Each structure stands twice: as structure tokens, then as C-alpha cells.
Full PDB file with SEQRES, HELIX, SHEET, SSBOND, CRYST1, ORIGX, SCALE, CONECT and MASTER records, all heavy atoms in Angstrom:
SEQRES   1 A   39  LEU LEU ALA PRO PRO ALA GLY GLN PRO PRO LEU GLU LEU          
SEQRES   2 A   39  SER PHE GLY GLU VAL ALA ALA GLY ARG GLY SER LEU GLY          
SEQRES   3 A   39  TRP CYS SER ALA LEU ALA ALA ARG VAL ARG ALA LEU ALA          
HELIX    1 AA1 PHE A   15  GLY A   21  1                                   7    
HELIX    2 AA2 LEU A   25  LEU A   38  1                                  14    
CRYST1    1.000    1.000    1.000  90.00  90.00  90.00 P 1           1          
ORIGX1      1.000000  0.000000  0.000000        0.00000                         
ORIGX2      0.000000  1.000000  0.000000        0.00000                         
ORIGX3      0.000000  0.000000  1.000000        0.00000                         
SCALE1      1.000000  0.000000  0.000000        0.00000                         
SCALE2      0.000000  1.000000  0.000000        0.00000                         
SCALE3      0.000000  0.000000  1.000000        0.00000                         
ATOM      1  N   LEU A   1      19.215   2.215  37.590  1.00  0.00           N  
ATOM      2  CA  LEU A   1      19.723   1.019  38.263  1.00  0.00           C  
ATOM      3  C   LEU A   1      19.212   0.951  39.696  1.00  0.00           C  
ATOM      4  O   LEU A   1      19.086   1.972  40.371  1.00  0.00           O  
ATOM      5  CB  LEU A   1      21.258   1.034  38.279  1.00  0.00           C  
ATOM      6  CG  LEU A   1      21.959   1.035  36.922  1.00  0.00           C  
ATOM      7  CD1 LEU A   1      23.453   1.194  37.118  1.00  0.00           C  
ATOM      8  CD2 LEU A   1      21.641  -0.239  36.160  1.00  0.00           C  
ATOM      9  N   LEU A   2      18.955  -0.269  40.157  1.00  0.00           N  
ATOM     10  CA  LEU A   2      18.528  -0.512  41.535  1.00  0.00           C  
ATOM     11  C   LEU A   2      19.455  -1.509  42.196  1.00  0.00           C  
ATOM     12  O   LEU A   2      19.971  -2.420  41.547  1.00  0.00           O  
ATOM     13  CB  LEU A   2      17.113  -1.103  41.561  1.00  0.00           C  
ATOM     14  CG  LEU A   2      15.966  -0.232  41.117  1.00  0.00           C  
ATOM     15  CD1 LEU A   2      14.684  -1.052  41.047  1.00  0.00           C  
ATOM     16  CD2 LEU A   2      15.789   0.932  42.072  1.00  0.00           C  
ATOM     17  N   ALA A   3      19.628  -1.357  43.489  1.00  0.00           N  
ATOM     18  CA  ALA A   3      20.356  -2.350  44.292  1.00  0.00           C  
ATOM     19  C   ALA A   3      19.573  -2.566  45.565  1.00  0.00           C  
ATOM     20  O   ALA A   3      19.258  -1.600  46.255  1.00  0.00           O  
ATOM     21  CB  ALA A   3      21.774  -1.868  44.611  1.00  0.00           C  
ATOM     22  N   PRO A   4      19.221  -3.788  45.901  1.00  0.00           N  
ATOM     23  CA  PRO A   4      19.278  -4.974  45.066  1.00  0.00           C  
ATOM     24  C   PRO A   4      18.437  -4.768  43.797  1.00  0.00           C  
ATOM     25  O   PRO A   4      17.471  -4.007  43.793  1.00  0.00           O  
ATOM     26  CB  PRO A   4      18.673  -6.075  45.926  1.00  0.00           C  
ATOM     27  CG  PRO A   4      18.740  -5.571  47.330  1.00  0.00           C  
ATOM     28  CD  PRO A   4      18.718  -4.084  47.231  1.00  0.00           C  
ATOM     29  N   PRO A   5      18.819  -5.470  42.706  1.00  0.00           N  
ATOM     30  CA  PRO A   5      18.124  -5.289  41.428  1.00  0.00           C  
ATOM     31  C   PRO A   5      16.648  -5.674  41.502  1.00  0.00           C  
ATOM     32  O   PRO A   5      16.244  -6.478  42.350  1.00  0.00           O  
ATOM     33  CB  PRO A   5      18.863  -6.229  40.478  1.00  0.00           C  
ATOM     34  CG  PRO A   5      20.108  -6.639  41.171  1.00  0.00           C  
ATOM     35  CD  PRO A   5      19.897  -6.441  42.624  1.00  0.00           C  
ATOM     36  N   ALA A   6      15.861  -5.109  40.594  1.00  0.00           N  
ATOM     37  CA  ALA A   6      14.456  -5.490  40.479  1.00  0.00           C  
ATOM     38  C   ALA A   6      14.413  -6.996  40.232  1.00  0.00           C  
ATOM     39  O   ALA A   6      15.265  -7.551  39.552  1.00  0.00           O  
ATOM     40  CB  ALA A   6      13.802  -4.734  39.338  1.00  0.00           C  
ATOM     41  N   GLY A   7      13.443  -7.654  40.807  1.00  0.00           N  
ATOM     42  CA  GLY A   7      13.350  -9.101  40.688  1.00  0.00           C  
ATOM     43  C   GLY A   7      13.974  -9.825  41.872  1.00  0.00           C  
ATOM     44  O   GLY A   7      13.731 -11.003  42.087  1.00  0.00           O  
ATOM     45  N   GLN A   8      14.801  -9.117  42.616  1.00  0.00           N  
ATOM     46  CA  GLN A   8      15.375  -9.649  43.851  1.00  0.00           C  
ATOM     47  C   GLN A   8      14.733  -8.910  45.023  1.00  0.00           C  
ATOM     48  O   GLN A   8      14.337  -7.750  44.886  1.00  0.00           O  
ATOM     49  CB  GLN A   8      16.893  -9.458  43.893  1.00  0.00           C  
ATOM     50  CG  GLN A   8      17.639 -10.292  42.893  1.00  0.00           C  
ATOM     51  CD  GLN A   8      19.147 -10.119  43.054  1.00  0.00           C  
ATOM     52  OE1 GLN A   8      19.632  -9.598  44.044  1.00  0.00           O  
ATOM     53  NE2 GLN A   8      19.887 -10.549  42.049  1.00  0.00           N  
ATOM     54  N   PRO A   9      14.643  -9.566  46.172  1.00  0.00           N  
ATOM     55  CA  PRO A   9      14.035  -8.877  47.319  1.00  0.00           C  
ATOM     56  C   PRO A   9      14.908  -7.712  47.791  1.00  0.00           C  
ATOM     57  O   PRO A   9      16.129  -7.749  47.660  1.00  0.00           O  
ATOM     58  CB  PRO A   9      13.948  -9.963  48.390  1.00  0.00           C  
ATOM     59  CG  PRO A   9      14.888 -11.034  47.967  1.00  0.00           C  
ATOM     60  CD  PRO A   9      15.053 -10.928  46.487  1.00  0.00           C  
ATOM     61  N   PRO A  10      14.276  -6.680  48.328  1.00  0.00           N  
ATOM     62  CA  PRO A  10      15.048  -5.563  48.888  1.00  0.00           C  
ATOM     63  C   PRO A  10      15.755  -6.004  50.164  1.00  0.00           C  
ATOM     64  O   PRO A  10      15.520  -7.107  50.668  1.00  0.00           O  
ATOM     65  CB  PRO A  10      13.982  -4.516  49.187  1.00  0.00           C  
ATOM     66  CG  PRO A  10      12.745  -5.303  49.425  1.00  0.00           C  
ATOM     67  CD  PRO A  10      12.839  -6.507  48.525  1.00  0.00           C  
ATOM     68  N   LEU A  11      16.593  -5.158  50.669  1.00  0.00           N  
ATOM     69  CA  LEU A  11      17.194  -5.364  51.982  1.00  0.00           C  
ATOM     70  C   LEU A  11      16.043  -5.302  52.975  1.00  0.00           C  
ATOM     71  O   LEU A  11      15.348  -4.290  53.067  1.00  0.00           O  
ATOM     72  CB  LEU A  11      18.220  -4.272  52.258  1.00  0.00           C  
ATOM     73  CG  LEU A  11      18.936  -4.264  53.589  1.00  0.00           C  
ATOM     74  CD1 LEU A  11      19.714  -5.556  53.803  1.00  0.00           C  
ATOM     75  CD2 LEU A  11      19.874  -3.079  53.661  1.00  0.00           C  
ATOM     76  N   GLU A  12      15.785  -6.388  53.679  1.00  0.00           N  
ATOM     77  CA  GLU A  12      14.641  -6.505  54.586  1.00  0.00           C  
ATOM     78  C   GLU A  12      15.080  -6.245  56.024  1.00  0.00           C  
ATOM     79  O   GLU A  12      16.031  -6.866  56.500  1.00  0.00           O  
ATOM     80  CB  GLU A  12      14.037  -7.908  54.509  1.00  0.00           C  
ATOM     81  CG  GLU A  12      13.499  -8.278  53.153  1.00  0.00           C  
ATOM     82  CD  GLU A  12      12.100  -7.757  52.909  1.00  0.00           C  
ATOM     83  OE1 GLU A  12      11.443  -7.294  53.870  1.00  0.00           O  
ATOM     84  OE2 GLU A  12      11.671  -7.809  51.752  1.00  0.00           O  
ATOM     85  N   LEU A  13      14.376  -5.359  56.684  1.00  0.00           N  
ATOM     86  CA  LEU A  13      14.653  -5.048  58.084  1.00  0.00           C  
ATOM     87  C   LEU A  13      13.339  -4.991  58.837  1.00  0.00           C  
ATOM     88  O   LEU A  13      12.400  -4.316  58.399  1.00  0.00           O  
ATOM     89  CB  LEU A  13      15.379  -3.706  58.208  1.00  0.00           C  
ATOM     90  CG  LEU A  13      16.717  -3.600  57.480  1.00  0.00           C  
ATOM     91  CD1 LEU A  13      17.144  -2.153  57.374  1.00  0.00           C  
ATOM     92  CD2 LEU A  13      17.764  -4.417  58.190  1.00  0.00           C  
ATOM     93  N   SER A  14      13.247  -5.682  59.954  1.00  0.00           N  
ATOM     94  CA  SER A  14      12.012  -5.635  60.738  1.00  0.00           C  
ATOM     95  C   SER A  14      11.979  -4.347  61.558  1.00  0.00           C  
ATOM     96  O   SER A  14      13.017  -3.777  61.907  1.00  0.00           O  
ATOM     97  CB  SER A  14      11.907  -6.848  61.664  1.00  0.00           C  
ATOM     98  OG  SER A  14      12.795  -6.714  62.756  1.00  0.00           O  
ATOM     99  N   PHE A  15      10.766  -3.904  61.852  1.00  0.00           N  
ATOM    100  CA  PHE A  15      10.593  -2.707  62.675  1.00  0.00           C  
ATOM    101  C   PHE A  15      11.297  -2.878  64.011  1.00  0.00           C  
ATOM    102  O   PHE A  15      12.040  -2.001  64.454  1.00  0.00           O  
ATOM    103  CB  PHE A  15       9.104  -2.426  62.857  1.00  0.00           C  
ATOM    104  CG  PHE A  15       8.803  -1.440  63.956  1.00  0.00           C  
ATOM    105  CD1 PHE A  15       9.344  -0.165  63.953  1.00  0.00           C  
ATOM    106  CD2 PHE A  15       7.975  -1.794  65.002  1.00  0.00           C  
ATOM    107  CE1 PHE A  15       9.060   0.743  64.969  1.00  0.00           C  
ATOM    108  CE2 PHE A  15       7.678  -0.892  66.011  1.00  0.00           C  
ATOM    109  CZ  PHE A  15       8.228   0.374  65.993  1.00  0.00           C  
ATOM    110  N   GLY A  16      11.097  -4.014  64.667  1.00  0.00           N  
ATOM    111  CA  GLY A  16      11.717  -4.251  65.971  1.00  0.00           C  
ATOM    112  C   GLY A  16      13.231  -4.224  65.911  1.00  0.00           C  
ATOM    113  O   GLY A  16      13.889  -3.667  66.791  1.00  0.00           O  
ATOM    114  N   GLU A  17      13.788  -4.808  64.859  1.00  0.00           N  
ATOM    115  CA  GLU A  17      15.243  -4.835  64.688  1.00  0.00           C  
ATOM    116  C   GLU A  17      15.802  -3.422  64.557  1.00  0.00           C  
ATOM    117  O   GLU A  17      16.796  -3.065  65.189  1.00  0.00           O  
ATOM    118  CB  GLU A  17      15.574  -5.656  63.433  1.00  0.00           C  
ATOM    119  CG  GLU A  17      17.023  -5.634  63.016  1.00  0.00           C  
ATOM    120  CD  GLU A  17      17.272  -6.305  61.674  1.00  0.00           C  
ATOM    121  OE1 GLU A  17      16.301  -6.623  60.947  1.00  0.00           O  
ATOM    122  OE2 GLU A  17      18.445  -6.504  61.356  1.00  0.00           O  
ATOM    123  N   VAL A  18      15.151  -2.600  63.730  1.00  0.00           N  
ATOM    124  CA  VAL A  18      15.644  -1.231  63.511  1.00  0.00           C  
ATOM    125  C   VAL A  18      15.428  -0.380  64.756  1.00  0.00           C  
ATOM    126  O   VAL A  18      16.322   0.362  65.181  1.00  0.00           O  
ATOM    127  CB  VAL A  18      14.978  -0.586  62.280  1.00  0.00           C  
ATOM    128  CG1 VAL A  18      15.474   0.851  62.093  1.00  0.00           C  
ATOM    129  CG2 VAL A  18      15.241  -1.409  61.032  1.00  0.00           C  
ATOM    130  N   ALA A  19      14.251  -0.496  65.368  1.00  0.00           N  
ATOM    131  CA  ALA A  19      13.950   0.307  66.563  1.00  0.00           C  
ATOM    132  C   ALA A  19      14.949   0.017  67.678  1.00  0.00           C  
ATOM    133  O   ALA A  19      15.423   0.935  68.349  1.00  0.00           O  
ATOM    134  CB  ALA A  19      12.528   0.041  67.034  1.00  0.00           C  
ATOM    135  N   ALA A  20      15.281  -1.250  67.881  1.00  0.00           N  
ATOM    136  CA  ALA A  20      16.242  -1.614  68.925  1.00  0.00           C  
ATOM    137  C   ALA A  20      17.672  -1.330  68.485  1.00  0.00           C  
ATOM    138  O   ALA A  20      18.490  -0.852  69.268  1.00  0.00           O  
ATOM    139  CB  ALA A  20      16.086  -3.085  69.285  1.00  0.00           C  
ATOM    140  N   GLY A  21      17.983  -1.606  67.219  1.00  0.00           N  
ATOM    141  CA  GLY A  21      19.357  -1.503  66.731  1.00  0.00           C  
ATOM    142  C   GLY A  21      19.857  -0.096  66.551  1.00  0.00           C  
ATOM    143  O   GLY A  21      21.061   0.149  66.651  1.00  0.00           O  
ATOM    144  N   ARG A  22      18.966   0.847  66.304  1.00  0.00           N  
ATOM    145  CA  ARG A  22      19.447   2.207  66.057  1.00  0.00           C  
ATOM    146  C   ARG A  22      20.101   2.824  67.290  1.00  0.00           C  
ATOM    147  O   ARG A  22      20.768   3.846  67.184  1.00  0.00           O  
ATOM    148  CB  ARG A  22      18.335   3.095  65.512  1.00  0.00           C  
ATOM    149  CG  ARG A  22      17.260   3.463  66.485  1.00  0.00           C  
ATOM    150  CD  ARG A  22      16.188   4.270  65.769  1.00  0.00           C  
ATOM    151  NE  ARG A  22      15.242   4.839  66.702  1.00  0.00           N  
ATOM    152  CZ  ARG A  22      14.668   6.019  66.556  1.00  0.00           C  
ATOM    153  NH1 ARG A  22      14.941   6.760  65.505  1.00  0.00           N  
ATOM    154  NH2 ARG A  22      13.825   6.454  67.451  1.00  0.00           N  
ATOM    155  N   GLY A  23      19.956   2.190  68.429  1.00  0.00           N  
ATOM    156  CA  GLY A  23      20.624   2.640  69.641  1.00  0.00           C  
ATOM    157  C   GLY A  23      21.956   1.943  69.877  1.00  0.00           C  
ATOM    158  O   GLY A  23      22.613   2.197  70.879  1.00  0.00           O  
ATOM    159  N   SER A  24      22.361   1.083  68.944  1.00  0.00           N  
ATOM    160  CA  SER A  24      23.592   0.305  69.098  1.00  0.00           C  
ATOM    161  C   SER A  24      24.615   0.707  68.042  1.00  0.00           C  
ATOM    162  O   SER A  24      24.363   0.567  66.838  1.00  0.00           O  
ATOM    163  CB  SER A  24      23.271  -1.190  68.956  1.00  0.00           C  
ATOM    164  OG  SER A  24      24.437  -1.932  68.713  1.00  0.00           O  
ATOM    165  N   LEU A  25      25.762   1.163  68.484  1.00  0.00           N  
ATOM    166  CA  LEU A  25      26.817   1.561  67.558  1.00  0.00           C  
ATOM    167  C   LEU A  25      27.246   0.395  66.674  1.00  0.00           C  
ATOM    168  O   LEU A  25      27.445   0.567  65.473  1.00  0.00           O  
ATOM    169  CB  LEU A  25      28.016   2.121  68.327  1.00  0.00           C  
ATOM    170  CG  LEU A  25      29.132   2.719  67.490  1.00  0.00           C  
ATOM    171  CD1 LEU A  25      28.610   3.838  66.599  1.00  0.00           C  
ATOM    172  CD2 LEU A  25      30.231   3.241  68.389  1.00  0.00           C  
ATOM    173  N   GLY A  26      27.335  -0.795  67.238  1.00  0.00           N  
ATOM    174  CA  GLY A  26      27.735  -1.969  66.463  1.00  0.00           C  
ATOM    175  C   GLY A  26      26.728  -2.300  65.377  1.00  0.00           C  
ATOM    176  O   GLY A  26      27.103  -2.601  64.236  1.00  0.00           O  
ATOM    177  N   TRP A  27      25.439  -2.262  65.717  1.00  0.00           N  
ATOM    178  CA  TRP A  27      24.390  -2.558  64.743  1.00  0.00           C  
ATOM    179  C   TRP A  27      24.397  -1.503  63.635  1.00  0.00           C  
ATOM    180  O   TRP A  27      24.306  -1.830  62.451  1.00  0.00           O  
ATOM    181  CB  TRP A  27      23.028  -2.609  65.432  1.00  0.00           C  
ATOM    182  CG  TRP A  27      21.929  -3.035  64.507  1.00  0.00           C  
ATOM    183  CD1 TRP A  27      21.534  -4.313  64.237  1.00  0.00           C  
ATOM    184  CD2 TRP A  27      21.084  -2.174  63.731  1.00  0.00           C  
ATOM    185  NE1 TRP A  27      20.497  -4.291  63.335  1.00  0.00           N  
ATOM    186  CE2 TRP A  27      20.199  -2.987  63.009  1.00  0.00           C  
ATOM    187  CE3 TRP A  27      20.998  -0.795  63.581  1.00  0.00           C  
ATOM    188  CZ2 TRP A  27      19.243  -2.475  62.142  1.00  0.00           C  
ATOM    189  CZ3 TRP A  27      20.042  -0.280  62.716  1.00  0.00           C  
ATOM    190  CH2 TRP A  27      19.177  -1.119  62.008  1.00  0.00           C  
ATOM    191  N   CYS A  28      24.507  -0.242  64.014  1.00  0.00           N  
ATOM    192  CA  CYS A  28      24.533   0.844  63.029  1.00  0.00           C  
ATOM    193  C   CYS A  28      25.746   0.718  62.107  1.00  0.00           C  
ATOM    194  O   CYS A  28      25.639   0.934  60.900  1.00  0.00           O  
ATOM    195  CB  CYS A  28      24.541   2.208  63.716  1.00  0.00           C  
ATOM    196  SG  CYS A  28      22.970   2.653  64.478  1.00  0.00           S  
ATOM    197  N   SER A  29      26.867   0.360  62.662  1.00  0.00           N  
ATOM    198  CA  SER A  29      28.080   0.191  61.869  1.00  0.00           C  
ATOM    199  C   SER A  29      27.913  -0.934  60.851  1.00  0.00           C  
ATOM    200  O   SER A  29      28.313  -0.802  59.685  1.00  0.00           O  
ATOM    201  CB  SER A  29      29.260  -0.085  62.793  1.00  0.00           C  
ATOM    202  OG  SER A  29      30.443  -0.254  62.059  1.00  0.00           O  
ATOM    203  N   ALA A  30      27.311  -2.037  61.264  1.00  0.00           N  
ATOM    204  CA  ALA A  30      27.090  -3.165  60.355  1.00  0.00           C  
ATOM    205  C   ALA A  30      26.109  -2.779  59.244  1.00  0.00           C  
ATOM    206  O   ALA A  30      26.325  -3.118  58.069  1.00  0.00           O  
ATOM    207  CB  ALA A  30      26.578  -4.377  61.129  1.00  0.00           C  
ATOM    208  N   LEU A  31      25.037  -2.068  59.579  1.00  0.00           N  
ATOM    209  CA  LEU A  31      24.083  -1.640  58.561  1.00  0.00           C  
ATOM    210  C   LEU A  31      24.737  -0.643  57.605  1.00  0.00           C  
ATOM    211  O   LEU A  31      24.531  -0.717  56.396  1.00  0.00           O  
ATOM    212  CB  LEU A  31      22.838  -1.031  59.204  1.00  0.00           C  
ATOM    213  CG  LEU A  31      21.772  -0.536  58.228  1.00  0.00           C  
ATOM    214  CD1 LEU A  31      21.287  -1.661  57.307  1.00  0.00           C  
ATOM    215  CD2 LEU A  31      20.598   0.076  58.993  1.00  0.00           C  
ATOM    216  N   ALA A  32      25.521   0.271  58.127  1.00  0.00           N  
ATOM    217  CA  ALA A  32      26.217   1.236  57.277  1.00  0.00           C  
ATOM    218  C   ALA A  32      27.128   0.515  56.286  1.00  0.00           C  
ATOM    219  O   ALA A  32      27.175   0.884  55.104  1.00  0.00           O  
ATOM    220  CB  ALA A  32      27.025   2.210  58.129  1.00  0.00           C  
ATOM    221  N   ALA A  33      27.820  -0.515  56.733  1.00  0.00           N  
ATOM    222  CA  ALA A  33      28.694  -1.281  55.844  1.00  0.00           C  
ATOM    223  C   ALA A  33      27.891  -1.963  54.741  1.00  0.00           C  
ATOM    224  O   ALA A  33      28.308  -1.972  53.573  1.00  0.00           O  
ATOM    225  CB  ALA A  33      29.495  -2.309  56.644  1.00  0.00           C  
ATOM    226  N   ARG A  34      26.733  -2.520  55.083  1.00  0.00           N  
ATOM    227  CA  ARG A  34      25.875  -3.167  54.072  1.00  0.00           C  
ATOM    228  C   ARG A  34      25.387  -2.150  53.046  1.00  0.00           C  
ATOM    229  O   ARG A  34      25.403  -2.406  51.837  1.00  0.00           O  
ATOM    230  CB  ARG A  34      24.675  -3.830  54.736  1.00  0.00           C  
ATOM    231  CG  ARG A  34      25.038  -5.046  55.563  1.00  0.00           C  
ATOM    232  CD  ARG A  34      23.871  -5.558  56.374  1.00  0.00           C  
ATOM    233  NE  ARG A  34      22.848  -6.206  55.534  1.00  0.00           N  
ATOM    234  CZ  ARG A  34      21.682  -6.627  56.002  1.00  0.00           C  
ATOM    235  NH1 ARG A  34      21.371  -6.468  57.282  1.00  0.00           N  
ATOM    236  NH2 ARG A  34      20.823  -7.200  55.196  1.00  0.00           N  
ATOM    237  N   VAL A  35      24.952  -0.988  53.513  1.00  0.00           N  
ATOM    238  CA  VAL A  35      24.440   0.054  52.618  1.00  0.00           C  
ATOM    239  C   VAL A  35      25.552   0.565  51.718  1.00  0.00           C  
ATOM    240  O   VAL A  35      25.361   0.731  50.502  1.00  0.00           O  
ATOM    241  CB  VAL A  35      23.799   1.204  53.432  1.00  0.00           C  
ATOM    242  CG1 VAL A  35      23.524   2.420  52.565  1.00  0.00           C  
ATOM    243  CG2 VAL A  35      22.529   0.720  54.119  1.00  0.00           C  
ATOM    244  N   ARG A  36      26.709   0.801  52.280  1.00  0.00           N  
ATOM    245  CA  ARG A  36      27.827   1.324  51.482  1.00  0.00           C  
ATOM    246  C   ARG A  36      28.281   0.318  50.442  1.00  0.00           C  
ATOM    247  O   ARG A  36      28.628   0.688  49.321  1.00  0.00           O  
ATOM    248  CB  ARG A  36      28.959   1.760  52.397  1.00  0.00           C  
ATOM    249  CG  ARG A  36      28.568   3.006  53.208  1.00  0.00           C  
ATOM    250  CD  ARG A  36      29.660   3.509  54.074  1.00  0.00           C  
ATOM    251  NE  ARG A  36      30.621   4.212  53.224  1.00  0.00           N  
ATOM    252  CZ  ARG A  36      31.565   4.990  53.700  1.00  0.00           C  
ATOM    253  NH1 ARG A  36      31.690   5.176  54.987  1.00  0.00           N  
ATOM    254  NH2 ARG A  36      32.392   5.590  52.876  1.00  0.00           N  
ATOM    255  N   ALA A  37      28.238  -0.982  50.773  1.00  0.00           N  
ATOM    256  CA  ALA A  37      28.594  -2.020  49.798  1.00  0.00           C  
ATOM    257  C   ALA A  37      27.584  -2.027  48.647  1.00  0.00           C  
ATOM    258  O   ALA A  37      27.974  -2.138  47.473  1.00  0.00           O  
ATOM    259  CB  ALA A  37      28.655  -3.385  50.475  1.00  0.00           C  
ATOM    260  N   LEU A  38      26.293  -1.900  48.964  1.00  0.00           N  
ATOM    261  CA  LEU A  38      25.278  -1.821  47.911  1.00  0.00           C  
ATOM    262  C   LEU A  38      25.517  -0.600  47.022  1.00  0.00           C  
ATOM    263  O   LEU A  38      25.411  -0.679  45.801  1.00  0.00           O  
ATOM    264  CB  LEU A  38      23.878  -1.731  48.522  1.00  0.00           C  
ATOM    265  CG  LEU A  38      23.228  -3.008  49.006  1.00  0.00           C  
ATOM    266  CD1 LEU A  38      21.902  -2.695  49.704  1.00  0.00           C  
ATOM    267  CD2 LEU A  38      22.998  -3.977  47.868  1.00  0.00           C  
ATOM    268  N   ALA A  39      25.841   0.532  47.623  1.00  0.00           N  
ATOM    269  CA  ALA A  39      26.089   1.761  46.863  1.00  0.00           C  
ATOM    270  C   ALA A  39      27.324   1.623  45.978  1.00  0.00           C  
ATOM    271  O   ALA A  39      27.320   2.089  44.828  1.00  0.00           O  
ATOM    272  CB  ALA A  39      26.237   2.953  47.808  1.00  0.00           C  
TER     273      ALA A  39                                                      
MASTER        0    0    0    2    0    0    0    6  272    1    0    3          
END                                                                             
């Protein structure tokens, strides 16, 4: 099984978004929530 399923686009993140966001607790918390929901 895959999430998102095959045939649907993956969770898309730009390099700039991740590079800047990984220093932000709020951004990391939001991404963690998205990943945990997928799991």
C-alpha cells in the first residue's frame, strides 16, 4: 500500500519551503500532522 496511492501525486514540497521551514516549530508541527494522518 502507498499513501498517497499510486495514480495520485505524492505530497509535494519545494526545496525552498523545506529548507526554510525546517527551522520553524510551527511548520514542522504542521508537516508532522500531515505525515501522521497519511500513516
